[in-house]
Each structure stands twice: as C-alpha cells, then as structure tokens.
Amino acid sequence: MTTGSQHPELRAALMSLFAERAPKVDRDRAGACYDFAELAHAEQKRESGQPFVSHAVEVCRVLCDLLETRMDTTLACAALLHDVVEDTDITLADVEKHFGKEVASLVEGVTKLSAMHFDSREAAQAENFRKMLLSMSKDLRVIFIKLADRLHNMRTLHHLRPDKQKRIAIETRDIYAPLAHRLGMAGIK
C-alpha cells in the first residue's frame, strides 16, 4: 500500500530513526506500516493538533530509546499499527492480511490492554496486572508497546482537559509505573 505521504517529514524522521538506532528493522516493511497507519488515521488529529500518526512515530522513538539496537521489524511494525484497530475501521484481519500473523497478534494484545476500564483503583490494579502478565507470557513486546504508548501520552497530557489529565495520571501512577519498575525499566517509570 504505497501512497504519497501526507506527512513526508514524519516518515523521513522515522526512517532516519531506524537507520541510526534500529539496524535490525527492515525499513521497507516499516515504511509500508507507516503508510498504512497514516492512511488509516488520515482524518484524525491528536489533541495537540498534530497528525495522529505522529503518535505512532513517537512510540517507535521511545522503543528505540528503551531497546537500543534490539528493536526488530515485527516490533516496529506493531508499534506503528498499535492504534489502527482501536481508533479506525481497520480490523485485525486487515492487519494480518497486510503484515502477517505475528504483527497482528501484537496489535491485538495492545488493543486488549487499551480497552480495559475499571471502577476502582483496586480493581484496576488487580485486573490490569493479571491481563498484563497473561500478555507478557505470550509476548513481552506487547508490554513494551503499551508502556511506550503510555509514556508518549503522558508527555502530551497537557493538551487534555484537567479531569482527563488527572484520570490518566492516576492510572499511570498506579498501574503502568509499578509495572515498568517491576520490569526494571526505571527510565520509563
């Protein structure tokens, strides 16, 4: 799926990031995932006014910081596509058809984690940890993507309403920061 990029500067920055920091990533395949995500999110903007696909690029940047040269093609592809099922009309079957079962499986894991909502802090902690640990037992890369996603969302939290800022910050403090700590990821925490 090759189209003229709406945001060639983002695509170029992503390709440069992979060339410099993630030599194991197949840039042609990652570029195809970027193009797919950009098209899927074409009409969407972040609260900051940035194109939605910029979030996927930043998640990849966080993962490169976290994993250094261990970033692989499958992880890069899943990071670029992690929101397409949740936020667009794209299905997991579409992702699998275009990018394979392994990428689709990672996207599905992140989508399931993102869909969890809870009534109380205690319920959230217990259920989140249970589901995250189940996901981790299948593939730790799901957790890496989710933590990178949350870190970028925290970095852009100031663009949201105060009530949303507070809810997301509390959830991050109670769920994601302790998980990052338990995984030895102090930089993410």
C-alpha atoms as a PDB file:
ATOM      1  CA  MET A   1       0.000   0.000   0.000  1.00  0.00           C
ATOM      2  CA  THR A   2       2.110   2.873  -1.198  1.00  0.00           C
ATOM      3  CA  THR A   3       0.599   6.302  -1.379  1.00  0.00           C
ATOM      4  CA  GLY A   4       2.090   9.751  -1.328  1.00  0.00           C
ATOM      5  CA  SER A   5       2.715  10.507   2.308  1.00  0.00           C
ATOM      6  CA  GLN A   6       0.622  13.315   3.777  1.00  0.00           C
ATOM      7  CA  HIS A   7       3.425  13.937   6.260  1.00  0.00           C
ATOM      8  CA  PRO A   8       6.700  13.163   4.482  1.00  0.00           C
ATOM      9  CA  GLU A   9       8.692  14.798   7.285  1.00  0.00           C
ATOM     10  CA  LEU A  10       7.320  12.284   9.816  1.00  0.00           C
ATOM     11  CA  ARG A  11       8.026   9.359   7.512  1.00  0.00           C
ATOM     12  CA  ALA A  12      11.557  10.629   6.844  1.00  0.00           C
ATOM     13  CA  ALA A  13      12.199  11.104  10.580  1.00  0.00           C
ATOM     14  CA  LEU A  14      11.012   7.552  11.235  1.00  0.00           C
ATOM     15  CA  MET A  15      13.224   6.079   8.526  1.00  0.00           C
ATOM     16  CA  SER A  16      16.190   8.077   9.836  1.00  0.00           C
ATOM     17  CA  LEU A  17      15.480   6.853  13.374  1.00  0.00           C
ATOM     18  CA  PHE A  18      15.507   3.246  12.229  1.00  0.00           C
ATOM     19  CA  ALA A  19      18.632   3.721  10.110  1.00  0.00           C
ATOM     20  CA  GLU A  20      20.538   5.261  13.025  1.00  0.00           C
ATOM     21  CA  ARG A  21      19.141   3.447  16.053  1.00  0.00           C
ATOM     22  CA  ALA A  22      17.474   0.215  14.907  1.00  0.00           C
ATOM     23  CA  PRO A  23      19.611  -1.517  12.286  1.00  0.00           C
ATOM     24  CA  LYS A  24      17.621  -4.772  12.524  1.00  0.00           C
ATOM     25  CA  VAL A  25      14.414  -3.079  11.326  1.00  0.00           C
ATOM     26  CA  ASP A  26      13.509  -3.676   7.684  1.00  0.00           C
ATOM     27  CA  ARG A  27      12.829  -0.080   6.666  1.00  0.00           C
ATOM     28  CA  ASP A  28      10.798  -1.047   3.583  1.00  0.00           C
ATOM     29  CA  ARG A  29       8.409  -3.122   5.703  1.00  0.00           C
ATOM     30  CA  ALA A  30       8.271  -0.491   8.453  1.00  0.00           C
ATOM     31  CA  GLY A  31       7.657   2.164   5.804  1.00  0.00           C
ATOM     32  CA  ALA A  32       4.711   0.147   4.485  1.00  0.00           C
ATOM     33  CA  CYS A  33       3.306   0.007   8.038  1.00  0.00           C
ATOM     34  CA  TYR A  34       3.775   3.756   8.417  1.00  0.00           C
ATOM     35  CA  ASP A  35       1.948   4.345   5.121  1.00  0.00           C
ATOM     36  CA  PHE A  36      -0.881   2.031   6.208  1.00  0.00           C
ATOM     37  CA  ALA A  37      -1.209   3.749   9.612  1.00  0.00           C
ATOM     38  CA  GLU A  38      -1.019   7.220   8.090  1.00  0.00           C
ATOM     39  CA  LEU A  39      -3.806   6.376   5.636  1.00  0.00           C
ATOM     40  CA  ALA A  40      -5.928   4.730   8.347  1.00  0.00           C
ATOM     41  CA  HIS A  41      -5.569   7.761  10.635  1.00  0.00           C
ATOM     42  CA  ALA A  42      -5.675  10.323   7.792  1.00  0.00           C
ATOM     43  CA  GLU A  43      -8.550  12.395   9.179  1.00  0.00           C
ATOM     44  CA  GLN A  44      -7.531  12.132  12.832  1.00  0.00           C
ATOM     45  CA  LYS A  45      -5.558  14.627  14.881  1.00  0.00           C
ATOM     46  CA  ARG A  46      -4.126  14.447  18.384  1.00  0.00           C
ATOM     47  CA  GLU A  47      -5.443  16.937  20.942  1.00  0.00           C
ATOM     48  CA  SER A  48      -2.222  18.863  20.304  1.00  0.00           C
ATOM     49  CA  GLY A  49      -3.284  19.354  16.684  1.00  0.00           C
ATOM     50  CA  GLN A  50      -0.523  17.040  15.441  1.00  0.00           C
ATOM     51  CA  PRO A  51      -1.429  14.350  12.902  1.00  0.00           C
ATOM     52  CA  PHE A  52      -2.433  11.177  14.718  1.00  0.00           C
ATOM     53  CA  VAL A  53       0.302   9.144  13.029  1.00  0.00           C
ATOM     54  CA  SER A  54       2.892  11.307  14.834  1.00  0.00           C
ATOM     55  CA  HIS A  55       1.992   9.352  17.991  1.00  0.00           C
ATOM     56  CA  ALA A  56       2.981   6.066  16.327  1.00  0.00           C
ATOM     57  CA  VAL A  57       6.307   7.591  15.292  1.00  0.00           C
ATOM     58  CA  GLU A  58       6.932   8.770  18.858  1.00  0.00           C
ATOM     59  CA  VAL A  59       6.074   5.323  20.248  1.00  0.00           C
ATOM     60  CA  CYS A  60       8.768   3.934  17.931  1.00  0.00           C
ATOM     61  CA  ARG A  61      11.192   6.585  19.194  1.00  0.00           C
ATOM     62  CA  VAL A  62      10.510   5.571  22.822  1.00  0.00           C
ATOM     63  CA  LEU A  63      11.019   1.911  21.926  1.00  0.00           C
ATOM     64  CA  CYS A  64      14.327   2.716  20.223  1.00  0.00           C
ATOM     65  CA  ASP A  65      15.403   4.562  23.384  1.00  0.00           C
ATOM     66  CA  LEU A  66      14.306   1.619  25.520  1.00  0.00           C
ATOM     67  CA  LEU A  67      15.622  -1.255  23.428  1.00  0.00           C
ATOM     68  CA  GLU A  68      18.529   0.434  21.651  1.00  0.00           C
ATOM     69  CA  THR A  69      19.738  -1.855  18.846  1.00  0.00           C
ATOM     70  CA  ARG A  70      17.426  -4.731  19.849  1.00  0.00           C
ATOM     71  CA  MET A  71      14.400  -3.178  18.115  1.00  0.00           C
ATOM     72  CA  ASP A  72      13.193  -5.602  15.445  1.00  0.00           C
ATOM     73  CA  THR A  73      10.946  -5.306  12.405  1.00  0.00           C
ATOM     74  CA  THR A  74       7.920  -7.012  13.936  1.00  0.00           C
ATOM     75  CA  LEU A  75       8.012  -4.771  16.998  1.00  0.00           C
ATOM     76  CA  ALA A  76       8.436  -1.650  14.843  1.00  0.00           C
ATOM     77  CA  CYS A  77       5.508  -2.658  12.625  1.00  0.00           C
ATOM     78  CA  ALA A  78       3.239  -3.414  15.580  1.00  0.00           C
ATOM     79  CA  ALA A  79       4.197  -0.123  17.255  1.00  0.00           C
ATOM     80  CA  LEU A  80       3.287   1.794  14.102  1.00  0.00           C
ATOM     81  CA  LEU A  81      -0.040  -0.019  13.852  1.00  0.00           C
ATOM     82  CA  HIS A  82      -0.910  -0.275  17.553  1.00  0.00           C
ATOM     83  CA  ASP A  83      -3.866   2.150  17.384  1.00  0.00           C
ATOM     84  CA  VAL A  84      -5.350   1.320  13.973  1.00  0.00           C
ATOM     85  CA  VAL A  85      -7.754  -1.366  15.223  1.00  0.00           C
ATOM     86  CA  GLU A  86      -8.820   0.640  18.267  1.00  0.00           C
ATOM     87  CA  ASP A  87      -9.239   4.015  16.554  1.00  0.00           C
ATOM     88  CA  THR A  88     -10.169   3.320  12.903  1.00  0.00           C
ATOM     89  CA  ASP A  89     -12.254   0.977  10.756  1.00  0.00           C
ATOM     90  CA  ILE A  90      -9.244  -1.304  10.226  1.00  0.00           C
ATOM     91  CA  THR A  91      -9.694  -4.833  11.604  1.00  0.00           C
ATOM     92  CA  LEU A  92      -7.181  -7.308  12.962  1.00  0.00           C
ATOM     93  CA  ALA A  93      -7.877  -9.385   9.857  1.00  0.00           C
ATOM     94  CA  ASP A  94      -6.786  -6.413   7.732  1.00  0.00           C
ATOM     95  CA  VAL A  95      -3.579  -6.071   9.743  1.00  0.00           C
ATOM     96  CA  GLU A  96      -2.882  -9.801   9.454  1.00  0.00           C
ATOM     97  CA  LYS A  97      -3.588  -9.802   5.709  1.00  0.00           C
ATOM     98  CA  HIS A  98      -1.144  -6.961   5.051  1.00  0.00           C
ATOM     99  CA  PHE A  99       1.528  -7.552   7.707  1.00  0.00           C
ATOM    100  CA  GLY A 100       1.228 -11.108   8.998  1.00  0.00           C
ATOM    101  CA  LYS A 101       0.002 -13.020  11.992  1.00  0.00           C
ATOM    102  CA  GLU A 102       2.806 -12.029  14.378  1.00  0.00           C
ATOM    103  CA  VAL A 103       2.278  -8.277  13.871  1.00  0.00           C
ATOM    104  CA  ALA A 104      -1.498  -8.729  14.153  1.00  0.00           C
ATOM    105  CA  SER A 105      -1.059 -10.689  17.381  1.00  0.00           C
ATOM    106  CA  LEU A 106       0.976  -7.866  18.958  1.00  0.00           C
ATOM    107  CA  VAL A 107      -1.554  -5.252  17.808  1.00  0.00           C
ATOM    108  CA  GLU A 108      -4.344  -7.379  19.269  1.00  0.00           C
ATOM    109  CA  GLY A 109      -2.540  -7.609  22.617  1.00  0.00           C
ATOM    110  CA  VAL A 110      -2.068  -3.838  22.831  1.00  0.00           C
ATOM    111  CA  THR A 111      -5.683  -3.247  21.766  1.00  0.00           C
ATOM    112  CA  LYS A 112      -6.963  -5.550  24.512  1.00  0.00           C
ATOM    113  CA  LEU A 113      -4.876  -3.778  27.151  1.00  0.00           C
ATOM    114  CA  SER A 114      -6.084  -0.376  25.931  1.00  0.00           C
ATOM    115  CA  ALA A 115      -9.723  -1.434  26.166  1.00  0.00           C
ATOM    116  CA  MET A 116      -9.646  -2.119  29.914  1.00  0.00           C
ATOM    117  CA  HIS A 117     -11.554   0.319  32.143  1.00  0.00           C
ATOM    118  CA  PHE A 118     -12.242  -0.022  35.863  1.00  0.00           C
ATOM    119  CA  ASP A 119     -14.458   1.377  38.605  1.00  0.00           C
ATOM    120  CA  SER A 120     -11.895   1.369  41.386  1.00  0.00           C
ATOM    121  CA  ARG A 121      -8.152   1.608  41.813  1.00  0.00           C
ATOM    122  CA  GLU A 122      -8.009  -1.831  43.452  1.00  0.00           C
ATOM    123  CA  ALA A 123      -9.969  -3.496  40.657  1.00  0.00           C
ATOM    124  CA  ALA A 124      -7.859  -1.754  38.059  1.00  0.00           C
ATOM    125  CA  GLN A 125      -4.615  -2.890  39.632  1.00  0.00           C
ATOM    126  CA  ALA A 126      -5.674  -6.490  40.063  1.00  0.00           C
ATOM    127  CA  GLU A 127      -7.237  -6.844  36.614  1.00  0.00           C
ATOM    128  CA  ASN A 128      -4.543  -4.881  34.775  1.00  0.00           C
ATOM    129  CA  PHE A 129      -1.726  -6.838  36.338  1.00  0.00           C
ATOM    130  CA  ARG A 130      -3.469 -10.135  35.640  1.00  0.00           C
ATOM    131  CA  LYS A 131      -4.081  -9.307  31.993  1.00  0.00           C
ATOM    132  CA  MET A 132      -0.666  -7.766  31.501  1.00  0.00           C
ATOM    133  CA  LEU A 133       1.026 -10.786  32.961  1.00  0.00           C
ATOM    134  CA  LEU A 134      -1.013 -13.034  30.663  1.00  0.00           C
ATOM    135  CA  SER A 135       0.005 -10.884  27.709  1.00  0.00           C
ATOM    136  CA  MET A 136       3.611 -10.932  28.835  1.00  0.00           C
ATOM    137  CA  SER A 137       3.619 -14.691  28.958  1.00  0.00           C
ATOM    138  CA  LYS A 138       2.691 -14.682  25.258  1.00  0.00           C
ATOM    139  CA  ASP A 139       4.963 -11.861  24.134  1.00  0.00           C
ATOM    140  CA  LEU A 140       6.728  -9.232  26.203  1.00  0.00           C
ATOM    141  CA  ARG A 141       6.710  -6.894  23.189  1.00  0.00           C
ATOM    142  CA  VAL A 142       3.012  -6.146  23.861  1.00  0.00           C
ATOM    143  CA  ILE A 143       4.010  -4.650  27.199  1.00  0.00           C
ATOM    144  CA  PHE A 144       6.878  -2.694  25.636  1.00  0.00           C
ATOM    145  CA  ILE A 145       4.490  -1.122  23.119  1.00  0.00           C
ATOM    146  CA  LYS A 146       1.906  -0.322  25.789  1.00  0.00           C
ATOM    147  CA  LEU A 147       4.487   1.287  28.064  1.00  0.00           C
ATOM    148  CA  ALA A 148       5.905   3.349  25.178  1.00  0.00           C
ATOM    149  CA  ASP A 149       2.367   4.365  24.199  1.00  0.00           C
ATOM    150  CA  ARG A 150       1.596   5.446  27.754  1.00  0.00           C
ATOM    151  CA  LEU A 151       4.874   7.351  28.101  1.00  0.00           C
ATOM    152  CA  HIS A 152       4.196   9.369  24.958  1.00  0.00           C
ATOM    153  CA  ASN A 153       0.620  10.013  26.100  1.00  0.00           C
ATOM    154  CA  MET A 154       1.956  11.283  29.433  1.00  0.00           C
ATOM    155  CA  ARG A 155       4.373  13.586  27.617  1.00  0.00           C
ATOM    156  CA  THR A 156       1.438  15.165  25.786  1.00  0.00           C
ATOM    157  CA  LEU A 157      -1.026  15.118  28.694  1.00  0.00           C
ATOM    158  CA  HIS A 158      -1.100  18.908  28.976  1.00  0.00           C
ATOM    159  CA  HIS A 159      -3.247  19.067  25.826  1.00  0.00           C
ATOM    160  CA  LEU A 160      -6.172  17.331  27.580  1.00  0.00           C
ATOM    161  CA  ARG A 161      -8.867  18.646  29.897  1.00  0.00           C
ATOM    162  CA  PRO A 162      -7.864  18.683  33.586  1.00  0.00           C
ATOM    163  CA  ASP A 163     -10.254  15.849  34.510  1.00  0.00           C
ATOM    164  CA  LYS A 164      -8.766  13.576  31.814  1.00  0.00           C
ATOM    165  CA  GLN A 165      -5.249  14.586  32.827  1.00  0.00           C
ATOM    166  CA  LYS A 166      -5.944  13.531  36.395  1.00  0.00           C
ATOM    167  CA  ARG A 167      -7.573  10.206  35.462  1.00  0.00           C
ATOM    168  CA  ILE A 168      -4.745   9.236  33.103  1.00  0.00           C
ATOM    169  CA  ALA A 169      -2.034  10.376  35.516  1.00  0.00           C
ATOM    170  CA  ILE A 170      -3.518   8.368  38.394  1.00  0.00           C
ATOM    171  CA  GLU A 171      -3.861   5.272  36.219  1.00  0.00           C
ATOM    172  CA  THR A 172      -0.266   5.702  35.081  1.00  0.00           C
ATOM    173  CA  ARG A 173       0.982   6.122  38.643  1.00  0.00           C
ATOM    174  CA  ASP A 174      -0.999   3.155  39.946  1.00  0.00           C
ATOM    175  CA  ILE A 175      -0.689   0.689  37.058  1.00  0.00           C
ATOM    176  CA  TYR A 176       1.984   1.462  34.492  1.00  0.00           C
ATOM    177  CA  ALA A 177       4.765   2.968  36.637  1.00  0.00           C
ATOM    178  CA  PRO A 178       4.810  -0.038  39.025  1.00  0.00           C
ATOM    179  CA  LEU A 179       4.822  -2.411  36.052  1.00  0.00           C
ATOM    180  CA  ALA A 180       7.762  -0.577  34.453  1.00  0.00           C
ATOM    181  CA  HIS A 181       9.536  -0.721  37.831  1.00  0.00           C
ATOM    182  CA  ARG A 182       8.945  -4.476  38.151  1.00  0.00           C
ATOM    183  CA  LEU A 183      10.355  -4.967  34.659  1.00  0.00           C
ATOM    184  CA  GLY A 184      13.488  -2.974  35.548  1.00  0.00           C
ATOM    185  CA  MET A 185      12.612  -0.054  33.272  1.00  0.00           C
ATOM    186  CA  ALA A 186      13.435   2.885  35.501  1.00  0.00           C
ATOM    187  CA  GLY A 187      13.650   5.272  32.545  1.00  0.00           C
ATOM    188  CA  ILE A 188      10.050   4.506  31.584  1.00  0.00           C
ATOM    189  CA  LYS A 189       8.887   4.642  35.208  1.00  0.00           C
END
